[in-house]
Amino acid sequence: MDRFRILGGAPLSGEVRISGAKNAALPILCASLLTSEPLVLSNIPRLRDVSTMKKLLVQMGSRIELTETQSDGQEAWALTSDAMTHLQAPYELVKTMRASVLVLGPMLARFGEALVSLPGGCAIGQRPVDQHIKGLAAMGRIVTDMVTVTGTENLMMAAVLAEGTTVLDNAAREPEVVDLANCLIAMGARIEGAGSDRIVIHGVDRLHGARYPVMADRIEAGTFICAVAATGGDVLVRQANSAMMGATLEKLRESGVSFSESPEGIRVTQAQRPKAFNFRTAPFPGLATDMQAQLMAVAAIGQGTSIITETIFENRFMHVQELRRLGAEIEVDGHTAVVKGVAALSGARVMATDLRASAGLVIAGLVAEGETEIDRIYHLDRGYDRMEEKLRGIGARVTRLTGDQETPT
């Protein structure tokens, strides 16, 4: 089982290019099921979850061809779903990835039937699919009981080929939802209001093929920005866009980080130990729950006490115990974590428990004194494209150890 070995204490400098967004690529890949014509997608990141989705679509009958490998390693695929043979998503494939449920809406819309096993994914809390089912049963006008990103995406894809007009109220506003809507529009869909809490979809008879680039990953961008906030340094985060970052940059400004934005991306500078800051996770444009662990790692070495409240997932403090092993002083009371910043963390062996917890531990390891080893980084590979290579490119001392490979002395 792969793990990371990190020698901490090195400030970061240079530039890093952000990959295509996992949480945008997965639903957009599923959108290929809505047409028999080729959908050519570029800026597809090389991630474990993307590979799983590819296997699922191929198992169902889609043909997927690699058309280009870009200079930064991102890929372009042509997806053709003109001869679907298995309108089902088996448990063996969906158990590792909750996004597998996103084939449900397109299959119902185009073929009128679907069989999808209940999905799995990270053990960060309950993520029921009841809103998807209720919405699909209602159609016409749908008001979800809670804001759900994958629910909004599934219902939007189901509605593009439905008769008449469908209104989604209490819709998710995340940039990844907008990216999916823009791809569907490029394929001939009629969608209004994406990015607001009301999306209106006018059904069309058919969708056609298109070419579409997947947006850059705002969570990956936020992760690298947090790494600079913790270690100090000066890094240009290429492809980062402040408009898609929600409240993340605002909180990091409170910690003392400086930003300057240009068409190339966001330049991040940190010349001091970060200051304490408080935040609550919330749906976009609030602070993303996917950034909570990374920001907690920054707060762990902050000057003062930070209070962090998790409102989205009930089990998303599993990284706290591992951060404590590195010397962090964190107390949890229900959905709130009180982080008393310490002057320095100390290297230790820790274990990743989920995707974003992995990223938080990497950031903590980068700033910790001495050597840190992070086990179970297969979680990290689900959502970060060659993270260790990108970190080394900006001065971090990170090595991937494979299988039984011993730690170098």
Protein backbone atom coordinates (compact mmCIF):
# COMPACT_ATOMS: atom_id res chain seq x y z
CA MET A 1 0.00 0.00 0.00
CA ASP A 2 1.46 3.35 -1.07
CA ARG A 3 2.37 6.05 1.43
CA PHE A 4 4.00 9.47 1.46
CA ARG A 5 7.23 10.34 3.22
CA ILE A 6 7.55 14.07 3.89
CA LEU A 7 10.50 16.00 5.29
CA GLY A 8 8.89 19.16 6.59
CA GLY A 9 10.06 22.69 7.14
CA ALA A 10 10.73 23.82 3.57
CA PRO A 11 8.94 26.98 2.30
CA LEU A 12 7.32 26.65 -1.11
CA SER A 13 8.13 28.71 -4.19
CA GLY A 14 7.59 28.64 -7.93
CA GLU A 15 4.40 27.74 -9.75
CA VAL A 16 1.96 24.84 -9.84
CA ARG A 17 -0.68 24.09 -12.46
CA ILE A 18 -4.11 23.00 -11.28
CA SER A 19 -5.69 19.98 -12.96
CA GLY A 20 -9.24 19.51 -14.20
CA ALA A 21 -11.84 19.29 -11.45
CA LYS A 22 -12.78 15.83 -10.23
CA ASN A 23 -16.21 17.00 -9.08
CA ALA A 24 -16.90 18.54 -12.49
CA ALA A 25 -15.40 15.77 -14.62
CA LEU A 26 -17.46 12.97 -13.07
CA PRO A 27 -20.96 14.35 -13.86
CA ILE A 28 -19.80 15.62 -17.25
CA LEU A 29 -18.54 12.13 -18.13
CA CYS A 30 -22.02 10.83 -17.24
CA ALA A 31 -23.57 13.46 -19.54
CA SER A 32 -22.12 11.49 -22.46
CA LEU A 33 -24.92 8.96 -21.86
CA LEU A 34 -27.48 11.54 -23.01
CA THR A 35 -26.50 11.38 -26.70
CA SER A 36 -25.48 8.81 -29.28
CA GLU A 37 -22.99 11.26 -30.78
CA PRO A 38 -19.40 11.67 -29.55
CA LEU A 39 -18.75 14.01 -26.61
CA VAL A 40 -15.12 15.14 -26.68
CA LEU A 41 -13.89 16.31 -23.29
CA SER A 42 -10.53 17.91 -22.53
CA ASN A 43 -8.71 18.76 -19.28
CA ILE A 44 -9.66 15.41 -17.75
CA PRO A 45 -7.52 14.74 -14.66
CA ARG A 46 -5.74 11.44 -14.09
CA LEU A 47 -7.48 10.31 -10.90
CA ARG A 48 -8.64 7.06 -9.37
CA ASP A 49 -12.28 8.22 -9.32
CA VAL A 50 -12.13 9.22 -12.98
CA SER A 51 -10.73 5.78 -13.85
CA THR A 52 -13.55 4.14 -11.90
CA MET A 53 -16.16 6.19 -13.78
CA LYS A 54 -14.52 5.24 -17.08
CA LYS A 55 -14.74 1.54 -16.17
CA LEU A 56 -18.40 1.96 -15.26
CA LEU A 57 -19.30 3.69 -18.53
CA VAL A 58 -17.39 1.13 -20.61
CA GLN A 59 -19.09 -1.70 -18.73
CA MET A 60 -22.44 -0.16 -19.71
CA GLY A 61 -21.45 -0.05 -23.37
CA SER A 62 -19.80 3.34 -23.95
CA ARG A 63 -16.71 3.58 -26.13
CA ILE A 64 -14.00 5.85 -24.77
CA GLU A 65 -10.94 6.82 -26.76
CA LEU A 66 -7.94 8.86 -25.63
CA THR A 67 -7.60 11.59 -28.25
CA GLU A 68 -4.85 13.72 -26.72
CA THR A 69 -2.47 13.96 -23.79
CA GLN A 70 -1.86 17.60 -23.01
CA SER A 71 1.56 19.01 -22.10
CA ASP A 72 0.59 19.15 -18.41
CA GLY A 73 -0.54 15.52 -18.38
CA GLN A 74 -4.27 16.20 -18.62
CA GLU A 75 -6.13 14.07 -21.13
CA ALA A 76 -8.81 14.52 -23.80
CA TRP A 77 -11.33 11.74 -24.34
CA ALA A 78 -13.97 11.03 -26.97
CA LEU A 79 -16.96 9.28 -25.41
CA THR A 80 -19.53 7.61 -27.66
CA SER A 81 -22.66 6.00 -26.18
CA ASP A 82 -24.52 4.87 -29.30
CA ALA A 83 -24.78 1.17 -28.45
CA MET A 84 -25.49 0.78 -24.75
CA THR A 85 -25.68 -2.87 -23.75
CA HIS A 86 -26.07 -2.88 -19.95
CA LEU A 87 -28.32 -0.25 -18.40
CA GLN A 88 -27.12 -0.96 -14.91
CA ALA A 89 -24.35 0.10 -12.55
CA PRO A 90 -23.22 -2.92 -10.52
CA TYR A 91 -22.18 -2.76 -6.88
CA GLU A 92 -18.63 -3.91 -7.62
CA LEU A 93 -17.95 -0.61 -9.40
CA VAL A 94 -20.14 1.84 -7.49
CA LYS A 95 -19.17 0.74 -3.97
CA THR A 96 -15.97 2.80 -4.01
CA MET A 97 -17.41 6.03 -5.42
CA ARG A 98 -20.59 7.87 -4.57
CA ALA A 99 -20.53 9.80 -7.86
CA SER A 100 -21.55 6.57 -9.61
CA VAL A 101 -25.16 7.52 -8.83
CA LEU A 102 -24.80 10.23 -11.51
CA VAL A 103 -25.51 7.68 -14.25
CA LEU A 104 -29.08 7.40 -12.93
CA GLY A 105 -30.50 10.62 -14.34
CA PRO A 106 -29.02 10.31 -17.85
CA MET A 107 -30.08 6.67 -18.21
CA LEU A 108 -33.65 7.41 -17.15
CA ALA A 109 -33.80 10.42 -19.45
CA ARG A 110 -32.57 8.66 -22.56
CA PHE A 111 -33.62 5.04 -22.07
CA GLY A 112 -36.47 5.24 -19.57
CA GLU A 113 -34.89 2.73 -17.19
CA ALA A 114 -31.87 2.26 -14.96
CA LEU A 115 -30.60 -0.06 -12.26
CA VAL A 116 -28.01 1.52 -9.97
CA SER A 117 -26.64 -0.01 -6.77
CA LEU A 118 -26.43 2.24 -3.72
CA PRO A 119 -23.07 4.03 -3.96
CA GLY A 120 -20.14 4.10 -1.56
CA GLY A 121 -17.19 6.50 -1.23
CA CYS A 122 -15.43 8.16 1.71
CA ALA A 123 -16.77 7.39 5.20
CA ILE A 124 -17.34 11.05 6.09
CA GLY A 125 -21.00 10.74 6.96
CA GLN A 126 -24.42 9.91 5.59
CA ARG A 127 -24.97 10.96 2.01
CA PRO A 128 -28.38 9.47 1.14
CA VAL A 129 -29.73 9.46 -2.39
CA ASP A 130 -33.36 9.93 -1.35
CA GLN A 131 -33.44 13.46 -2.79
CA HIS A 132 -32.45 12.03 -6.17
CA ILE A 133 -35.29 9.49 -6.05
CA LYS A 134 -37.90 11.98 -4.82
CA GLY A 135 -36.93 14.45 -7.51
CA LEU A 136 -37.01 11.91 -10.31
CA ALA A 137 -40.47 10.82 -9.18
CA ALA A 138 -41.74 14.41 -9.08
CA MET A 139 -40.20 16.08 -12.16
CA GLY A 140 -42.02 19.18 -13.42
CA ARG A 141 -41.35 21.26 -10.32
CA ILE A 142 -38.88 19.90 -7.78
CA VAL A 143 -38.07 21.37 -4.37
CA THR A 144 -35.38 19.35 -2.60
CA ASP A 145 -35.44 19.10 1.20
CA MET A 146 -31.75 19.98 1.34
CA VAL A 147 -29.14 21.46 -0.96
CA THR A 148 -27.48 18.54 -2.75
CA VAL A 149 -24.86 18.90 -5.47
CA THR A 150 -25.11 15.42 -6.99
CA GLY A 151 -28.89 15.55 -6.60
CA THR A 152 -29.06 18.81 -8.55
CA GLU A 153 -26.76 17.36 -11.22
CA ASN A 154 -28.73 14.12 -11.55
CA LEU A 155 -32.09 15.91 -11.77
CA MET A 156 -30.77 18.46 -14.25
CA MET A 157 -29.52 15.68 -16.54
CA ALA A 158 -32.81 13.80 -16.20
CA ALA A 159 -34.78 16.93 -17.12
CA VAL A 160 -32.93 17.93 -20.30
CA LEU A 161 -34.73 15.24 -22.35
CA ALA A 162 -38.03 15.32 -20.44
CA GLU A 163 -41.23 16.72 -21.93
CA GLY A 164 -42.03 20.27 -20.94
CA THR A 165 -40.30 22.47 -18.40
CA THR A 166 -38.73 21.37 -15.11
CA VAL A 167 -37.96 23.80 -12.29
CA LEU A 168 -35.37 22.85 -9.66
CA ASP A 169 -35.81 24.91 -6.50
CA ASN A 170 -33.25 24.85 -3.67
CA ALA A 171 -30.69 23.87 -6.30
CA ALA A 172 -26.98 23.66 -5.50
CA ARG A 173 -25.03 26.71 -6.69
CA GLU A 174 -21.54 25.17 -6.86
CA PRO A 175 -19.30 26.01 -9.86
CA GLU A 176 -19.24 22.31 -10.79
CA VAL A 177 -23.04 22.44 -11.29
CA VAL A 178 -22.56 25.43 -13.59
CA ASP A 179 -19.84 23.59 -15.50
CA LEU A 180 -22.17 20.63 -16.09
CA ALA A 181 -24.94 22.98 -17.20
CA ASN A 182 -22.59 24.69 -19.66
CA CYS A 183 -21.57 21.34 -21.11
CA LEU A 184 -25.22 20.30 -21.48
CA ILE A 185 -25.98 23.63 -23.19
CA ALA A 186 -23.10 22.97 -25.60
CA MET A 187 -24.83 19.66 -26.36
CA GLY A 188 -28.11 21.43 -27.17
CA ALA A 189 -29.87 21.56 -23.79
CA ARG A 190 -31.97 24.59 -22.75
CA ILE A 191 -31.03 25.51 -19.18
CA GLU A 192 -31.46 28.80 -17.32
CA GLY A 193 -30.34 29.86 -13.86
CA ALA A 194 -27.40 27.54 -13.21
CA GLY A 195 -25.41 29.06 -10.37
CA SER A 196 -28.57 30.25 -8.59
CA ASP A 197 -30.93 28.35 -6.30
CA ARG A 198 -33.52 28.01 -9.08
CA ILE A 199 -32.63 26.20 -12.31
CA VAL A 200 -35.15 26.02 -15.15
CA ILE A 201 -34.75 23.29 -17.77
CA HIS A 202 -36.80 23.25 -20.97
CA GLY A 203 -36.79 19.71 -22.31
CA VAL A 204 -35.57 19.04 -25.85
CA ASP A 205 -36.07 16.01 -28.11
CA ARG A 206 -32.40 15.13 -28.36
CA LEU A 207 -28.88 16.24 -27.53
CA HIS A 208 -25.94 16.21 -29.93
CA GLY A 209 -22.21 15.76 -29.53
CA ALA A 210 -19.93 18.61 -28.51
CA ARG A 211 -16.42 19.58 -27.44
CA TYR A 212 -16.01 20.83 -23.90
CA PRO A 213 -13.10 21.54 -21.49
CA VAL A 214 -13.57 20.55 -17.84
CA MET A 215 -13.06 23.44 -15.40
CA ALA A 216 -9.99 23.66 -13.18
CA ASP A 217 -10.28 22.08 -9.72
CA ARG A 218 -11.04 24.78 -7.14
CA ILE A 219 -10.48 22.32 -4.25
CA GLU A 220 -7.04 21.34 -5.53
CA ALA A 221 -6.25 25.05 -5.93
CA GLY A 222 -7.41 25.71 -2.37
CA THR A 223 -5.29 22.84 -1.11
CA PHE A 224 -2.09 24.22 -2.63
CA ILE A 225 -2.95 27.70 -1.36
CA CYS A 226 -3.33 26.24 2.14
CA ALA A 227 0.04 24.54 1.77
CA VAL A 228 1.67 27.93 1.12
CA ALA A 229 -0.30 29.47 4.00
CA ALA A 230 1.12 26.85 6.36
CA THR A 231 4.72 26.62 5.16
CA GLY A 232 5.29 30.15 3.93
CA GLY A 233 6.60 31.04 0.51
CA ASP A 234 5.58 32.51 -2.82
CA VAL A 235 3.71 30.37 -5.37
CA LEU A 236 1.74 31.09 -8.54
CA VAL A 237 -1.25 28.73 -8.58
CA ARG A 238 -2.03 28.53 -12.29
CA GLN A 239 -5.67 28.17 -13.38
CA ALA A 240 -6.94 29.18 -9.92
CA ASN A 241 -9.90 31.56 -10.02
CA SER A 242 -11.05 33.52 -6.97
CA ALA A 243 -14.67 33.65 -8.21
CA MET A 244 -14.89 29.87 -7.81
CA MET A 245 -13.20 29.65 -4.41
CA GLY A 246 -16.14 30.71 -2.25
CA ALA A 247 -15.10 31.91 1.21
CA THR A 248 -11.75 30.08 1.24
CA LEU A 249 -9.60 33.05 0.21
CA GLU A 250 -11.39 35.39 2.61
CA LYS A 251 -10.51 33.15 5.55
CA LEU A 252 -6.91 32.76 4.46
CA ARG A 253 -6.59 36.54 4.15
CA GLU A 254 -7.62 36.69 7.80
CA SER A 255 -4.71 34.35 8.55
CA GLY A 256 -2.27 36.76 6.91
CA VAL A 257 -1.92 35.30 3.40
CA SER A 258 -1.57 37.77 0.51
CA PHE A 259 -3.09 37.19 -2.93
CA SER A 260 -2.77 38.80 -6.33
CA GLU A 261 -4.86 37.57 -9.26
CA SER A 262 -4.06 37.66 -12.97
CA PRO A 263 -5.28 35.83 -16.08
CA GLU A 264 -2.65 33.16 -15.29
CA GLY A 265 -4.02 32.36 -11.84
CA ILE A 266 -3.54 33.44 -8.22
CA ARG A 267 -0.16 34.34 -6.73
CA VAL A 268 0.02 33.35 -3.05
CA THR A 269 2.55 34.76 -0.59
CA GLN A 270 2.96 34.08 3.12
CA ALA A 271 5.84 35.57 5.10
CA GLN A 272 4.74 34.88 8.66
CA ARG A 273 3.18 32.30 10.93
CA PRO A 274 -0.56 32.30 10.15
CA LYS A 275 -3.05 33.97 12.48
CA ALA A 276 -6.07 32.20 13.96
CA PHE A 277 -9.39 32.35 12.08
CA ASN A 278 -12.90 30.96 12.56
CA PHE A 279 -15.24 29.45 9.99
CA ARG A 280 -18.32 27.31 9.33
CA THR A 281 -18.65 25.05 6.32
CA ALA A 282 -21.62 25.81 4.08
CA PRO A 283 -22.87 25.23 0.54
CA PHE A 284 -21.39 27.52 -2.13
CA PRO A 285 -20.68 30.43 -2.00
CA GLY A 286 -19.87 29.56 1.61
CA LEU A 287 -16.76 27.72 2.70
CA ALA A 288 -16.65 24.26 1.14
CA THR A 289 -16.65 21.25 3.45
CA ASP A 290 -14.00 19.83 1.08
CA MET A 291 -11.62 22.55 2.36
CA GLN A 292 -12.21 22.04 6.08
CA ALA A 293 -9.36 19.59 6.76
CA GLN A 294 -6.82 21.65 4.82
CA LEU A 295 -7.78 24.86 6.65
CA MET A 296 -7.63 23.02 9.98
CA ALA A 297 -4.02 22.08 9.21
CA VAL A 298 -3.26 25.78 8.71
CA ALA A 299 -5.07 26.69 11.94
CA ALA A 300 -3.10 24.01 13.83
CA ILE A 301 0.04 26.17 13.61
CA GLY A 302 -1.79 29.49 13.84
CA GLN A 303 -1.25 32.24 16.40
CA GLY A 304 -4.23 31.96 18.72
CA THR A 305 -7.33 29.78 18.83
CA SER A 306 -9.49 28.95 15.80
CA ILE A 307 -13.06 27.63 16.02
CA ILE A 308 -14.20 25.40 13.15
CA THR A 309 -17.82 24.25 12.72
CA GLU A 310 -18.68 21.45 10.27
CA THR A 311 -22.30 21.71 9.09
CA ILE A 312 -22.34 19.35 6.09
CA PHE A 313 -21.06 15.89 7.15
CA GLU A 314 -21.24 14.47 10.65
CA ASN A 315 -18.05 12.38 10.44
CA ARG A 316 -15.71 14.89 8.87
CA PHE A 317 -13.43 15.36 11.88
CA MET A 318 -11.75 11.96 11.52
CA HIS A 319 -8.45 13.67 10.69
CA VAL A 320 -8.35 15.36 14.09
CA GLN A 321 -6.82 12.37 15.86
CA GLU A 322 -4.12 12.10 13.21
CA LEU A 323 -3.30 15.81 13.45
CA ARG A 324 -2.94 15.34 17.22
CA ARG A 325 -0.29 12.71 16.52
CA LEU A 326 1.69 15.48 14.85
CA GLY A 327 1.36 17.68 17.92
CA ALA A 328 -1.77 19.68 17.09
CA GLU A 329 -3.95 20.77 20.01
CA ILE A 330 -7.55 20.20 18.92
CA GLU A 331 -10.67 19.47 20.95
CA VAL A 332 -13.93 18.38 19.33
CA ASP A 333 -17.39 19.00 20.76
CA GLY A 334 -20.07 17.68 18.43
CA HIS A 335 -19.80 19.54 15.15
CA THR A 336 -17.27 22.07 16.45
CA ALA A 337 -13.49 21.81 16.71
CA VAL A 338 -11.46 24.20 18.86
CA VAL A 339 -7.92 24.47 17.48
CA LYS A 340 -5.29 26.00 19.75
CA GLY A 341 -2.43 26.90 17.46
CA VAL A 342 1.04 25.62 18.34
CA ALA A 343 4.37 27.10 17.29
CA ALA A 344 5.47 23.89 15.58
CA LEU A 345 4.26 20.40 14.67
CA SER A 346 6.46 17.31 14.90
CA GLY A 347 6.75 14.59 12.29
CA ALA A 348 5.10 11.22 12.97
CA ARG A 349 3.45 8.31 11.17
CA VAL A 350 -0.22 9.00 10.47
CA MET A 351 -3.05 7.41 8.51
CA ALA A 352 -5.36 9.01 5.97
CA THR A 353 -9.05 8.33 6.60
CA ASP A 354 -10.66 9.99 3.57
CA LEU A 355 -9.81 12.08 0.52
CA ARG A 356 -9.70 15.58 2.02
CA ALA A 357 -8.31 14.37 5.36
CA SER A 358 -5.36 13.08 3.33
CA ALA A 359 -4.74 16.55 1.93
CA GLY A 360 -4.90 18.08 5.41
CA LEU A 361 -2.30 15.61 6.67
CA VAL A 362 -0.02 16.39 3.73
CA ILE A 363 -0.15 20.09 4.58
CA ALA A 364 0.58 19.35 8.24
CA GLY A 365 3.49 17.13 7.20
CA LEU A 366 4.92 19.88 5.00
CA VAL A 367 5.17 22.25 7.98
CA ALA A 368 6.06 19.69 10.67
CA GLU A 369 9.62 19.41 11.96
CA GLY A 370 11.30 16.17 10.94
CA GLU A 371 9.80 13.28 9.01
CA THR A 372 6.13 12.42 8.50
CA GLU A 373 4.77 9.29 6.84
CA ILE A 374 1.17 9.19 5.65
CA ASP A 375 -0.36 5.75 5.12
CA ARG A 376 -3.35 4.91 2.89
CA ILE A 377 -2.79 7.64 0.36
CA TYR A 378 -5.00 5.76 -2.08
CA HIS A 379 -7.62 8.12 -0.67
CA LEU A 380 -5.53 11.04 -1.94
CA ASP A 381 -5.19 9.49 -5.40
CA ARG A 382 -8.98 9.55 -5.76
CA GLY A 383 -8.98 13.34 -6.06
CA TYR A 384 -5.43 14.73 -6.54
CA ASP A 385 -3.54 14.30 -9.79
CA ARG A 386 0.14 13.42 -9.08
CA MET A 387 0.21 15.55 -5.95
CA GLU A 388 3.71 14.55 -4.90
CA GLU A 389 5.15 15.59 -8.28
CA LYS A 390 3.46 18.98 -8.11
CA LEU A 391 4.65 19.54 -4.55
CA ARG A 392 8.23 18.64 -5.44
CA GLY A 393 8.02 21.15 -8.27
CA ILE A 394 7.54 23.97 -5.76
CA GLY A 395 10.20 22.84 -3.30
CA ALA A 396 8.49 20.31 -1.04
CA ARG A 397 10.43 17.21 0.02
CA VAL A 398 7.87 14.47 -0.69
CA THR A 399 8.50 10.87 -1.74
CA ARG A 400 5.95 8.20 -2.64
CA LEU A 401 6.83 4.82 -1.13
CA THR A 402 5.24 1.86 -2.88
CA GLY A 403 4.16 -1.36 -1.23
CA ASP A 404 6.81 -2.72 1.15
CA GLN A 405 9.44 -0.19 0.07
CA GLU A 406 11.47 0.91 3.07
CA THR A 407 11.79 4.52 4.11
CA PRO A 408 15.13 5.85 2.79
CA THR A 409 17.69 6.64 5.49
